[in-house]
Structure formats: C-alpha cells, structure tokens
Amino acid sequence: MSKTTVPSINRRTAFIGAGTAGALAAAAAMLPRAELPAVVQAESTPAEPKSGYQLTDHVKQYYATARI
C-alpha cells in the first residue's frame, strides 16, 4: 500500500512567502510608469455665446444627488 503525502505549509514557509510577496510589491511600486500621451483638444470659439439655463455636468450631478 503506497502512502501519498500531501505537502503541508509550515510557519517558516508562510513567512518566507509573505516576505517575498512584500518585497515584490515594493519593487513593483518603485518601477517607473509609462506616461500616457497627452490628448490635445482643438480650441474652438462658439459662434454665439450661450446665455440662460444650461444643463451642464455639475448640474446633472446635483440633480442626481438631490433625488429621493
């Protein structure tokens, strides 16, 4: 009858694994990050200046938070 052994994780192995994971996380945090290319938007002047009520993003956000 053959006995199969299940590898068990002891305390020393767990601490070594945790230390390695921490060191890898610190190293990854120190790596330089790639800069995203800046998006250039063409500036255009409106033909007519807007006046009066305008439904802008911050007004929509207010409406969303004021809902019951």
PDB file of N, CA and C in Angstrom:
ATOM      1  N   MET A   1       0.843  -1.161   0.000  1.00  0.00           N
ATOM      2  CA  MET A   1       0.000   0.000   0.000  1.00  0.00           C
ATOM      3  C   MET A   1       0.898   1.236   0.000  1.00  0.00           C
ATOM      4  N   SER A   2       0.718   2.086  -1.009  1.00  0.00           N
ATOM      5  CA  SER A   2       1.559   3.272  -1.073  1.00  0.00           C
ATOM      6  C   SER A   2       0.860   4.434  -0.375  1.00  0.00           C
ATOM      7  N   LYS A   3       1.658   5.171   0.310  1.00  0.00           N
ATOM      8  CA  LYS A   3       1.137   6.300   1.054  1.00  0.00           C
ATOM      9  C   LYS A   3       1.408   7.571   0.264  1.00  0.00           C
ATOM     10  N   THR A   4       0.372   8.339   0.003  1.00  0.00           N
ATOM     11  CA  THR A   4       0.577   9.612  -0.680  1.00  0.00           C
ATOM     12  C   THR A   4       0.691  10.701   0.363  1.00  0.00           C
ATOM     13  N   THR A   5       1.662  11.523   0.179  1.00  0.00           N
ATOM     14  CA  THR A   5       1.870  12.592   1.145  1.00  0.00           C
ATOM     15  C   THR A   5       1.383  13.910   0.549  1.00  0.00           C
ATOM     16  N   VAL A   6       0.719  14.656   1.335  1.00  0.00           N
ATOM     17  CA  VAL A   6       0.236  15.969   0.937  1.00  0.00           C
ATOM     18  C   VAL A   6       1.216  16.987   1.504  1.00  0.00           C
ATOM     19  N   PRO A   7       1.810  17.804   0.638  1.00  0.00           N
ATOM     20  CA  PRO A   7       2.755  18.779   1.173  1.00  0.00           C
ATOM     21  C   PRO A   7       2.021  19.798   2.052  1.00  0.00           C
ATOM     22  N   SER A   8       2.561  20.016   3.204  1.00  0.00           N
ATOM     23  CA  SER A   8       1.939  20.973   4.116  1.00  0.00           C
ATOM     24  C   SER A   8       2.800  22.233   4.185  1.00  0.00           C
ATOM     25  N   ILE A   9       2.144  23.300   4.424  1.00  0.00           N
ATOM     26  CA  ILE A   9       2.863  24.572   4.545  1.00  0.00           C
ATOM     27  C   ILE A   9       3.099  24.814   6.019  1.00  0.00           C
ATOM     28  N   ASN A  10       4.359  24.932   6.361  1.00  0.00           N
ATOM     29  CA  ASN A  10       4.659  25.201   7.749  1.00  0.00           C
ATOM     30  C   ASN A  10       4.813  26.713   7.949  1.00  0.00           C
ATOM     31  N   ARG A  11       5.014  27.106   9.167  1.00  0.00           N
ATOM     32  CA  ARG A  11       5.083  28.522   9.511  1.00  0.00           C
ATOM     33  C   ARG A  11       6.259  29.213   8.834  1.00  0.00           C
ATOM     34  N   ARG A  12       7.392  28.557   8.755  1.00  0.00           N
ATOM     35  CA  ARG A  12       8.580  29.154   8.145  1.00  0.00           C
ATOM     36  C   ARG A  12       8.344  29.425   6.660  1.00  0.00           C
ATOM     37  N   THR A  13       7.734  28.493   5.948  1.00  0.00           N
ATOM     38  CA  THR A  13       7.448  28.669   4.533  1.00  0.00           C
ATOM     39  C   THR A  13       6.458  29.809   4.323  1.00  0.00           C
ATOM     40  N   ALA A  14       5.469  29.928   5.199  1.00  0.00           N
ATOM     41  CA  ALA A  14       4.481  31.001   5.084  1.00  0.00           C
ATOM     42  C   ALA A  14       5.144  32.361   5.278  1.00  0.00           C
ATOM     43  N   PHE A  15       6.044  32.481   6.243  1.00  0.00           N
ATOM     44  CA  PHE A  15       6.722  33.752   6.469  1.00  0.00           C
ATOM     45  C   PHE A  15       7.656  34.113   5.320  1.00  0.00           C
ATOM     46  N   ILE A  16       8.323  33.117   4.761  1.00  0.00           N
ATOM     47  CA  ILE A  16       9.198  33.376   3.614  1.00  0.00           C
ATOM     48  C   ILE A  16       8.361  33.843   2.417  1.00  0.00           C
ATOM     49  N   GLY A  17       7.224  33.207   2.195  1.00  0.00           N
ATOM     50  CA  GLY A  17       6.346  33.604   1.100  1.00  0.00           C
ATOM     51  C   GLY A  17       5.799  35.012   1.288  1.00  0.00           C
ATOM     52  N   ALA A  18       5.418  35.355   2.512  1.00  0.00           N
ATOM     53  CA  ALA A  18       4.898  36.690   2.793  1.00  0.00           C
ATOM     54  C   ALA A  18       5.982  37.744   2.600  1.00  0.00           C
ATOM     55  N   GLY A  19       7.192  37.429   3.035  1.00  0.00           N
ATOM     56  CA  GLY A  19       8.303  38.372   2.850  1.00  0.00           C
ATOM     57  C   GLY A  19       8.642  38.574   1.393  1.00  0.00           C
ATOM     58  N   THR A  20       8.604  37.499   0.622  1.00  0.00           N
ATOM     59  CA  THR A  20       8.874  37.597  -0.811  1.00  0.00           C
ATOM     60  C   THR A  20       7.793  38.409  -1.505  1.00  0.00           C
ATOM     61  N   ALA A  21       6.539  38.188  -1.143  1.00  0.00           N
ATOM     62  CA  ALA A  21       5.445  38.944  -1.747  1.00  0.00           C
ATOM     63  C   ALA A  21       5.561  40.425  -1.406  1.00  0.00           C
ATOM     64  N   GLY A  22       5.938  40.742  -0.193  1.00  0.00           N
ATOM     65  CA  GLY A  22       6.118  42.141   0.211  1.00  0.00           C
ATOM     66  C   GLY A  22       7.257  42.805  -0.539  1.00  0.00           C
ATOM     67  N   ALA A  23       8.351  42.073  -0.716  1.00  0.00           N
ATOM     68  CA  ALA A  23       9.493  42.624  -1.444  1.00  0.00           C
ATOM     69  C   ALA A  23       9.147  42.850  -2.909  1.00  0.00           C
ATOM     70  N   LEU A  24       8.394  41.940  -3.502  1.00  0.00           N
ATOM     71  CA  LEU A  24       7.980  42.113  -4.897  1.00  0.00           C
ATOM     72  C   LEU A  24       7.024  43.293  -5.051  1.00  0.00           C
ATOM     73  N   ALA A  25       6.133  43.476  -4.093  1.00  0.00           N
ATOM     74  CA  ALA A  25       5.202  44.606  -4.153  1.00  0.00           C
ATOM     75  C   ALA A  25       5.959  45.929  -4.032  1.00  0.00           C
ATOM     76  N   ALA A  26       6.964  45.970  -3.164  1.00  0.00           N
ATOM     77  CA  ALA A  26       7.757  47.194  -3.014  1.00  0.00           C
ATOM     78  C   ALA A  26       8.561  47.469  -4.279  1.00  0.00           C
ATOM     79  N   ALA A  27       9.096  46.435  -4.885  1.00  0.00           N
ATOM     80  CA  ALA A  27       9.865  46.621  -6.118  1.00  0.00           C
ATOM     81  C   ALA A  27       8.962  47.084  -7.254  1.00  0.00           C
ATOM     82  N   ALA A  28       7.757  46.551  -7.323  1.00  0.00           N
ATOM     83  CA  ALA A  28       6.824  46.955  -8.371  1.00  0.00           C
ATOM     84  C   ALA A  28       6.396  48.403  -8.199  1.00  0.00           C
ATOM     85  N   ALA A  29       6.285  48.854  -6.957  1.00  0.00           N
ATOM     86  CA  ALA A  29       5.902  50.241  -6.703  1.00  0.00           C
ATOM     87  C   ALA A  29       7.003  51.204  -7.119  1.00  0.00           C
ATOM     88  N   MET A  30       8.243  50.754  -7.137  1.00  0.00           N
ATOM     89  CA  MET A  30       9.362  51.622  -7.470  1.00  0.00           C
ATOM     90  C   MET A  30       9.644  51.693  -8.973  1.00  0.00           C
ATOM     91  N   LEU A  31       9.018  50.824  -9.760  1.00  0.00           N
ATOM     92  CA  LEU A  31       9.256  50.824 -11.198  1.00  0.00           C
ATOM     93  C   LEU A  31       8.700  52.093 -11.835  1.00  0.00           C
ATOM     94  N   PRO A  32       9.399  52.626 -12.829  1.00  0.00           N
ATOM     95  CA  PRO A  32       8.868  53.832 -13.492  1.00  0.00           C
ATOM     96  C   PRO A  32       7.613  53.480 -14.282  1.00  0.00           C
ATOM     97  N   ARG A  33       6.684  54.415 -14.283  1.00  0.00           N
ATOM     98  CA  ARG A  33       5.436  54.188 -15.001  1.00  0.00           C
ATOM     99  C   ARG A  33       5.504  54.874 -16.348  1.00  0.00           C
ATOM    100  N   ALA A  34       4.834  54.283 -17.310  1.00  0.00           N
ATOM    101  CA  ALA A  34       4.790  54.858 -18.645  1.00  0.00           C
ATOM    102  C   ALA A  34       3.825  56.038 -18.645  1.00  0.00           C
ATOM    103  N   GLU A  35       4.248  57.129 -19.246  1.00  0.00           N
ATOM    104  CA  GLU A  35       3.411  58.309 -19.344  1.00  0.00           C
ATOM    105  C   GLU A  35       2.405  58.117 -20.463  1.00  0.00           C
ATOM    106  N   LEU A  36       1.160  58.465 -20.186  1.00  0.00           N
ATOM    107  CA  LEU A  36       0.143  58.411 -21.217  1.00  0.00           C
ATOM    108  C   LEU A  36       0.276  59.650 -22.103  1.00  0.00           C
ATOM    109  N   PRO A  37       0.089  59.486 -23.393  1.00  0.00           N
ATOM    110  CA  PRO A  37       0.200  60.655 -24.262  1.00  0.00           C
ATOM    111  C   PRO A  37      -0.906  61.660 -23.955  1.00  0.00           C
ATOM    112  N   ALA A  38      -0.536  62.916 -23.962  1.00  0.00           N
ATOM    113  CA  ALA A  38      -1.498  63.967 -23.668  1.00  0.00           C
ATOM    114  C   ALA A  38      -2.449  64.137 -24.845  1.00  0.00           C
ATOM    115  N   VAL A  39      -3.703  64.281 -24.523  1.00  0.00           N
ATOM    116  CA  VAL A  39      -4.714  64.474 -25.554  1.00  0.00           C
ATOM    117  C   VAL A  39      -4.834  65.968 -25.813  1.00  0.00           C
ATOM    118  N   VAL A  40      -4.632  66.339 -27.045  1.00  0.00           N
ATOM    119  CA  VAL A  40      -4.711  67.747 -27.419  1.00  0.00           C
ATOM    120  C   VAL A  40      -6.087  67.992 -28.009  1.00  0.00           C
ATOM    121  N   GLN A  41      -6.799  68.933 -27.410  1.00  0.00           N
ATOM    122  CA  GLN A  41      -8.122  69.262 -27.902  1.00  0.00           C
ATOM    123  C   GLN A  41      -8.051  70.584 -28.663  1.00  0.00           C
ATOM    124  N   ALA A  42      -8.703  70.592 -29.788  1.00  0.00           N
ATOM    125  CA  ALA A  42      -8.736  71.816 -30.581  1.00  0.00           C
ATOM    126  C   ALA A  42      -9.670  72.803 -29.904  1.00  0.00           C
ATOM    127  N   GLU A  43      -9.174  74.011 -29.689  1.00  0.00           N
ATOM    128  CA  GLU A  43      -9.997  75.030 -29.070  1.00  0.00           C
ATOM    129  C   GLU A  43     -10.825  75.717 -30.142  1.00  0.00           C
ATOM    130  N   SER A  44     -12.100  75.761 -29.899  1.00  0.00           N
ATOM    131  CA  SER A  44     -12.963  76.442 -30.848  1.00  0.00           C
ATOM    132  C   SER A  44     -13.821  77.443 -30.095  1.00  0.00           C
ATOM    133  N   THR A  45     -14.038  78.567 -30.699  1.00  0.00           N
ATOM    134  CA  THR A  45     -14.867  79.578 -30.075  1.00  0.00           C
ATOM    135  C   THR A  45     -16.283  79.410 -30.589  1.00  0.00           C
ATOM    136  N   PRO A  46     -17.248  79.430 -29.696  1.00  0.00           N
ATOM    137  CA  PRO A  46     -18.624  79.276 -30.141  1.00  0.00           C
ATOM    138  C   PRO A  46     -19.067  80.493 -30.957  1.00  0.00           C
ATOM    139  N   ALA A  47     -19.927  80.245 -31.934  1.00  0.00           N
ATOM    140  CA  ALA A  47     -20.404  81.326 -32.787  1.00  0.00           C
ATOM    141  C   ALA A  47     -21.254  82.296 -31.980  1.00  0.00           C
ATOM    142  N   GLU A  48     -22.117  81.771 -31.116  1.00  0.00           N
ATOM    143  CA  GLU A  48     -22.969  82.595 -30.278  1.00  0.00           C
ATOM    144  C   GLU A  48     -22.690  82.289 -28.822  1.00  0.00           C
ATOM    145  N   PRO A  49     -22.505  83.277 -27.999  1.00  0.00           N
ATOM    146  CA  PRO A  49     -22.327  82.983 -26.577  1.00  0.00           C
ATOM    147  C   PRO A  49     -23.645  82.479 -25.991  1.00  0.00           C
ATOM    148  N   LYS A  50     -23.536  81.454 -25.167  1.00  0.00           N
ATOM    149  CA  LYS A  50     -24.730  80.867 -24.562  1.00  0.00           C
ATOM    150  C   LYS A  50     -25.151  81.713 -23.373  1.00  0.00           C
ATOM    151  N   SER A  51     -26.428  81.839 -23.196  1.00  0.00           N
ATOM    152  CA  SER A  51     -26.937  82.567 -22.038  1.00  0.00           C
ATOM    153  C   SER A  51     -28.140  81.819 -21.492  1.00  0.00           C
ATOM    154  N   GLY A  52     -28.436  82.056 -20.245  1.00  0.00           N
ATOM    155  CA  GLY A  52     -29.580  81.410 -19.628  1.00  0.00           C
ATOM    156  C   GLY A  52     -29.216  80.069 -19.021  1.00  0.00           C
ATOM    157  N   TYR A  53     -30.238  79.243 -18.827  1.00  0.00           N
ATOM    158  CA  TYR A  53     -30.067  77.942 -18.178  1.00  0.00           C
ATOM    159  C   TYR A  53     -29.318  76.982 -19.089  1.00  0.00           C
ATOM    160  N   GLN A  54     -28.310  76.318 -18.523  1.00  0.00           N
ATOM    161  CA  GLN A  54     -27.557  75.311 -19.265  1.00  0.00           C
ATOM    162  C   GLN A  54     -27.466  74.058 -18.414  1.00  0.00           C
ATOM    163  N   LEU A  55     -27.758  72.951 -19.019  1.00  0.00           N
ATOM    164  CA  LEU A  55     -27.671  71.671 -18.319  1.00  0.00           C
ATOM    165  C   LEU A  55     -26.244  71.150 -18.471  1.00  0.00           C
ATOM    166  N   THR A  56     -25.407  71.449 -17.492  1.00  0.00           N
ATOM    167  CA  THR A  56     -24.004  71.055 -17.532  1.00  0.00           C
ATOM    168  C   THR A  56     -23.791  69.834 -16.648  1.00  0.00           C
ATOM    169  N   ASP A  57     -22.561  69.328 -16.649  1.00  0.00           N
ATOM    170  CA  ASP A  57     -22.258  68.125 -15.876  1.00  0.00           C
ATOM    171  C   ASP A  57     -22.474  68.331 -14.380  1.00  0.00           C
ATOM    172  N   HIS A  58     -22.055  69.485 -13.843  1.00  0.00           N
ATOM    173  CA  HIS A  58     -22.207  69.675 -12.408  1.00  0.00           C
ATOM    174  C   HIS A  58     -23.676  69.865 -12.030  1.00  0.00           C
ATOM    175  N   VAL A  59     -24.506  70.395 -12.932  1.00  0.00           N
ATOM    176  CA  VAL A  59     -25.944  70.499 -12.674  1.00  0.00           C
ATOM    177  C   VAL A  59     -26.560  69.102 -12.671  1.00  0.00           C
ATOM    178  N   LYS A  60     -26.155  68.255 -13.606  1.00  0.00           N
ATOM    179  CA  LYS A  60     -26.654  66.876 -13.643  1.00  0.00           C
ATOM    180  C   LYS A  60     -26.267  66.123 -12.375  1.00  0.00           C
ATOM    181  N   GLN A  61     -25.043  66.377 -11.893  1.00  0.00           N
ATOM    182  CA  GLN A  61     -24.594  65.720 -10.669  1.00  0.00           C
ATOM    183  C   GLN A  61     -25.439  66.183  -9.479  1.00  0.00           C
ATOM    184  N   TYR A  62     -25.758  67.463  -9.431  1.00  0.00           N
ATOM    185  CA  TYR A  62     -26.606  67.960  -8.351  1.00  0.00           C
ATOM    186  C   TYR A  62     -27.976  67.302  -8.406  1.00  0.00           C
ATOM    187  N   TYR A  63     -28.569  67.226  -9.590  1.00  0.00           N
ATOM    188  CA  TYR A  63     -29.872  66.596  -9.743  1.00  0.00           C
ATOM    189  C   TYR A  63     -29.832  65.145  -9.275  1.00  0.00           C
ATOM    190  N   ALA A  64     -28.742  64.452  -9.591  1.00  0.00           N
ATOM    191  CA  ALA A  64     -28.615  63.040  -9.193  1.00  0.00           C
ATOM    192  C   ALA A  64     -28.531  62.902  -7.684  1.00  0.00           C
ATOM    193  N   THR A  65     -27.852  63.834  -7.002  1.00  0.00           N
ATOM    194  CA  THR A  65     -27.718  63.731  -5.553  1.00  0.00           C
ATOM    195  C   THR A  65     -28.957  64.243  -4.830  1.00  0.00           C
ATOM    196  N   ALA A  66     -29.768  65.072  -5.499  1.00  0.00           N
ATOM    197  CA  ALA A  66     -30.956  65.633  -4.857  1.00  0.00           C
ATOM    198  C   ALA A  66     -32.158  64.705  -4.977  1.00  0.00           C
ATOM    199  N   ARG A  67     -32.067  63.657  -5.776  1.00  0.00           N
ATOM    200  CA  ARG A  67     -33.185  62.719  -5.917  1.00  0.00           C
ATOM    201  C   ARG A  67     -33.447  61.983  -4.615  1.00  0.00           C
ATOM    202  N   ILE A  68     -34.690  61.716  -4.390  1.00  0.00           N
ATOM    203  CA  ILE A  68     -35.058  60.968  -3.170  1.00  0.00           C
ATOM    204  C   ILE A  68     -35.398  59.548  -3.547  1.00  0.00           C
TER     205      ILE A  68
END
